[in-house]
C-alpha atoms as a PDB file:
ATOM      1  CA  TYR A   1      -6.910 -11.565  17.471  1.00  0.00           C
ATOM      2  CA  GLU A   2      -6.186 -12.722  21.634  1.00  0.00           C
ATOM      3  CA  THR A   3      -7.465 -10.893  24.301  1.00  0.00           C
ATOM      4  CA  GLU A   4      -5.888 -11.448  28.077  1.00  0.00           C
ATOM      5  CA  ARG A   5      -7.607 -10.637  31.102  1.00  0.00           C
ATOM      6  CA  PRO A   6      -4.581 -10.962  33.333  1.00  0.00           C
ATOM      7  CA  GLU A   7      -6.579  -9.270  36.785  1.00  0.00           C
ATOM      8  CA  PRO A   8     -10.156  -7.510  37.078  1.00  0.00           C
ATOM      9  CA  GLY A   9     -10.063  -4.144  34.810  1.00  0.00           C
ATOM     10  CA  VAL A  10      -7.027  -5.161  33.143  1.00  0.00           C
ATOM     11  CA  VAL A  11      -7.365  -5.982  29.273  1.00  0.00           C
ATOM     12  CA  TYR A  12      -4.267  -7.143  27.037  1.00  0.00           C
ATOM     13  CA  THR A  13      -5.307  -7.441  23.224  1.00  0.00           C
ATOM     14  CA  TYR A  14      -3.205  -8.417  20.445  1.00  0.00           C
ATOM     15  CA  LEU A  15      -3.590  -8.133  16.976  1.00  0.00           C
ATOM     16  CA  ARG A  16      -1.800  -9.736  14.536  1.00  0.00           C
ATOM     17  CA  LYS A  17      -0.764  -9.134  10.780  1.00  0.00           C
ATOM     18  CA  THR A  18      -1.632 -12.145   8.392  1.00  0.00           C
ATOM     19  CA  GLU A  19      -0.196 -10.432   5.146  1.00  0.00           C
ATOM     20  CA  LYS A  20       3.535  -8.797   4.636  1.00  0.00           C
ATOM     21  CA  GLU A  21       2.605  -5.161   4.565  1.00  0.00           C
ATOM     22  CA  PRO A  22       4.293  -2.200   6.055  1.00  0.00           C
ATOM     23  CA  ALA A  23       3.804  -1.983   9.847  1.00  0.00           C
ATOM     24  CA  THR A  24       2.312   1.602   9.935  1.00  0.00           C
ATOM     25  CA  LYS A  25       0.726   3.551   7.602  1.00  0.00           C
ATOM     26  CA  GLU A  26      -0.231   7.235   7.998  1.00  0.00           C
ATOM     27  CA  VAL A  27      -3.749   7.517   8.466  1.00  0.00           C
ATOM     28  CA  THR A  28      -5.483  10.773   7.058  1.00  0.00           C
ATOM     29  CA  GLU A  29      -8.430  12.336   7.495  1.00  0.00           C
ATOM     30  CA  THR A  30     -10.590  12.752   4.491  1.00  0.00           C
ATOM     31  CA  LYS A  31     -11.649  16.299   3.971  1.00  0.00           C
ATOM     32  CA  ALA A  32     -15.123  17.524   2.796  1.00  0.00           C
ATOM     33  CA  GLY A  33     -15.452  17.292  -0.979  1.00  0.00           C
ATOM     34  CA  GLU A  34     -12.727  14.739  -1.661  1.00  0.00           C
ATOM     35  CA  THR A  35     -15.145  11.934  -1.624  1.00  0.00           C
ATOM     36  CA  GLU A  36     -18.770  11.397  -2.417  1.00  0.00           C
ATOM     37  CA  ASP A  37     -20.754  12.571   0.124  1.00  0.00           C
ATOM     38  CA  PHE A  38     -22.352  10.369   2.813  1.00  0.00           C
ATOM     39  CA  LYS A  39     -26.302  10.928   1.517  1.00  0.00           C
ATOM     40  CA  THR A  40     -25.123  10.340  -2.464  1.00  0.00           C
ATOM     41  CA  ILE A  41     -23.742   7.140  -1.153  1.00  0.00           C
ATOM     42  CA  GLU A  42     -26.308   6.274   1.225  1.00  0.00           C
ATOM     43  CA  THR A  43     -28.893   6.947  -1.624  1.00  0.00           C
ATOM     44  CA  ARG A  44     -26.794   4.959  -4.191  1.00  0.00           C
ATOM     45  CA  PHE A  45     -26.787   1.605  -1.976  1.00  0.00           C
ATOM     46  CA  THR A  46     -30.587   1.995  -0.690  1.00  0.00           C
ATOM     47  CA  GLY A  47     -31.527  -1.371  -0.706  1.00  0.00           C
ATOM     48  CA  LYS A  48     -28.232  -2.957  -0.754  1.00  0.00           C
ATOM     49  CA  MET A  49     -26.638  -2.258   2.631  1.00  0.00           C
ATOM     50  CA  LYS A  50     -26.290  -4.619   5.797  1.00  0.00           C
ATOM     51  CA  GLU A  51     -25.978  -2.872   8.590  1.00  0.00           C
ATOM     52  CA  ILE A  52     -24.172  -3.049  11.881  1.00  0.00           C
ATOM     53  CA  ASP A  53     -23.805  -1.649  15.160  1.00  0.00           C
ATOM     54  CA  VAL A  54     -20.240  -1.646  16.993  1.00  0.00           C
ATOM     55  CA  ARG A  55     -20.683   0.814  19.529  1.00  0.00           C
ATOM     56  CA  ASP A  56     -21.060  -1.457  22.608  1.00  0.00           C
ATOM     57  CA  LEU A  57     -18.383  -3.872  21.503  1.00  0.00           C
ATOM     58  CA  GLU A  58     -15.114  -4.005  23.653  1.00  0.00           C
ATOM     59  CA  MET A  59     -11.796  -3.323  21.685  1.00  0.00           C
ATOM     60  CA  PRO A  60     -10.664  -4.907  19.098  1.00  0.00           C
ATOM     61  CA  MET A  61     -13.955  -6.369  18.060  1.00  0.00           C
ATOM     62  CA  PRO A  62     -15.745  -3.298  16.429  1.00  0.00           C
ATOM     63  CA  MET A  63     -12.554  -3.388  13.771  1.00  0.00           C
ATOM     64  CA  VAL A  64     -12.731  -7.399  13.614  1.00  0.00           C
ATOM     65  CA  THR A  65     -15.992  -7.372  13.443  1.00  0.00           C
ATOM     66  CA  VAL A  66     -16.445  -4.648  10.357  1.00  0.00           C
ATOM     67  CA  LEU A  67     -13.745  -7.204   8.689  1.00  0.00           C
ATOM     68  CA  GLU A  68     -15.592  -9.801   8.847  1.00  0.00           C
ATOM     69  CA  GLU A  69     -18.703  -8.268   7.590  1.00  0.00           C
ATOM     70  CA  LEU A  70     -16.931  -6.683   4.764  1.00  0.00           C
ATOM     71  CA  GLU A  71     -15.693 -10.157   3.590  1.00  0.00           C
ATOM     72  CA  LYS A  72     -19.307 -11.752   3.438  1.00  0.00           C
ATOM     73  CA  LEU A  73     -20.487  -8.715   1.394  1.00  0.00           C
ATOM     74  CA  SER A  74     -21.564  -9.450  -2.545  1.00  0.00           C
ATOM     75  CA  ASP A  75     -20.417  -7.550  -5.069  1.00  0.00           C
ATOM     76  CA  GLY A  76     -22.633  -4.165  -5.325  1.00  0.00           C
ATOM     77  CA  GLU A  77     -23.325  -4.279  -1.398  1.00  0.00           C
ATOM     78  CA  ALA A  78     -22.260  -2.019   1.536  1.00  0.00           C
ATOM     79  CA  LEU A  79     -21.779  -1.832   5.027  1.00  0.00           C
ATOM     80  CA  TYR A  80     -23.364   0.548   7.051  1.00  0.00           C
ATOM     81  CA  VAL A  81     -21.764   0.750  10.493  1.00  0.00           C
ATOM     82  CA  HIS A  82     -22.933   2.652  13.998  1.00  0.00           C
ATOM     83  CA  HIS A  83     -19.696   3.411  15.613  1.00  0.00           C
ATOM     84  CA  LYS A  84     -18.705   5.401  18.443  1.00  0.00           C
ATOM     85  CA  ARG A  85     -15.991   7.356  17.147  1.00  0.00           C
ATOM     86  CA  LEU A  86     -14.072   7.594  13.302  1.00  0.00           C
ATOM     87  CA  PRO A  87     -11.617   4.361  13.481  1.00  0.00           C
ATOM     88  CA  GLN A  88      -8.276   5.749  12.741  1.00  0.00           C
ATOM     89  CA  TYR A  89      -6.775   1.890  12.724  1.00  0.00           C
ATOM     90  CA  LEU A  90      -9.291   0.537  10.738  1.00  0.00           C
ATOM     91  CA  LEU A  91      -9.087   3.206   7.569  1.00  0.00           C
ATOM     92  CA  PRO A  92      -5.723   2.033   6.571  1.00  0.00           C
ATOM     93  CA  GLU A  93      -7.240  -1.492   6.022  1.00  0.00           C
ATOM     94  CA  LEU A  94     -10.249  -0.744   4.384  1.00  0.00           C
ATOM     95  CA  GLU A  95      -7.728   1.188   1.497  1.00  0.00           C
ATOM     96  CA  ASN A  96      -5.567  -2.201   1.448  1.00  0.00           C
ATOM     97  CA  ARG A  97      -8.327  -3.977   0.740  1.00  0.00           C
ATOM     98  CA  GLY A  98      -9.985  -1.784  -1.744  1.00  0.00           C
ATOM     99  CA  PHE A  99     -13.207  -0.103   0.178  1.00  0.00           C
ATOM    100  CA  LYS A 100     -13.498   3.593   0.559  1.00  0.00           C
ATOM    101  CA  PRO A 101     -15.452   4.902   3.636  1.00  0.00           C
ATOM    102  CA  VAL A 102     -17.594   7.764   4.038  1.00  0.00           C
ATOM    103  CA  THR A 103     -18.723   9.250   7.876  1.00  0.00           C
ATOM    104  CA  LYS A 104     -21.156  11.188   9.059  1.00  0.00           C
ATOM    105  CA  PRO A 105     -20.399  12.498  12.700  1.00  0.00           C
ATOM    106  CA  VAL A 106     -23.732  12.269  14.523  1.00  0.00           C
ATOM    107  CA  ASP A 107     -22.274  13.514  17.828  1.00  0.00           C
ATOM    108  CA  GLU A 108     -19.590  12.898  20.257  1.00  0.00           C
ATOM    109  CA  ASN A 109     -20.182   9.417  20.696  1.00  0.00           C
ATOM    110  CA  ASN A 110     -22.007   8.348  17.567  1.00  0.00           C
ATOM    111  CA  MET A 111     -20.194   8.206  14.049  1.00  0.00           C
ATOM    112  CA  LYS A 112     -21.884   6.590  11.098  1.00  0.00           C
ATOM    113  CA  LEU A 113     -19.997   4.728   8.324  1.00  0.00           C
ATOM    114  CA  ILE A 114     -20.988   3.378   4.973  1.00  0.00           C
ATOM    115  CA  ILE A 115     -18.101   1.045   3.422  1.00  0.00           C
ATOM    116  CA  TYR A 116     -18.463   0.075  -0.035  1.00  0.00           C
ATOM    117  CA  LYS A 117     -15.809  -0.683  -3.275  1.00  0.00           C
END
């Protein structure tokens, strides 16, 4: 990614794809009951989760940070993410990389995610 700040209060962020994949993909929200619930996954990965908080990061750093941390995970580990909201652009990337997310909304500006294989 690249970030430019041409003047105070203006930020341009450019993301570049590194693999040849479709540029866009429809994002669908998971309905309750379609995947394992948050508590079940949290219990399954107890003691095997890395935890990060991306709520205070400027765009695109939440997505960049999550993807970098996922690459560091060992087999059988999961990533617990504190996020401001459901990261719509991250979801297709997770699917492309073979990861599954479960989410738990806490309030308007607080979403918990567990990302696992």
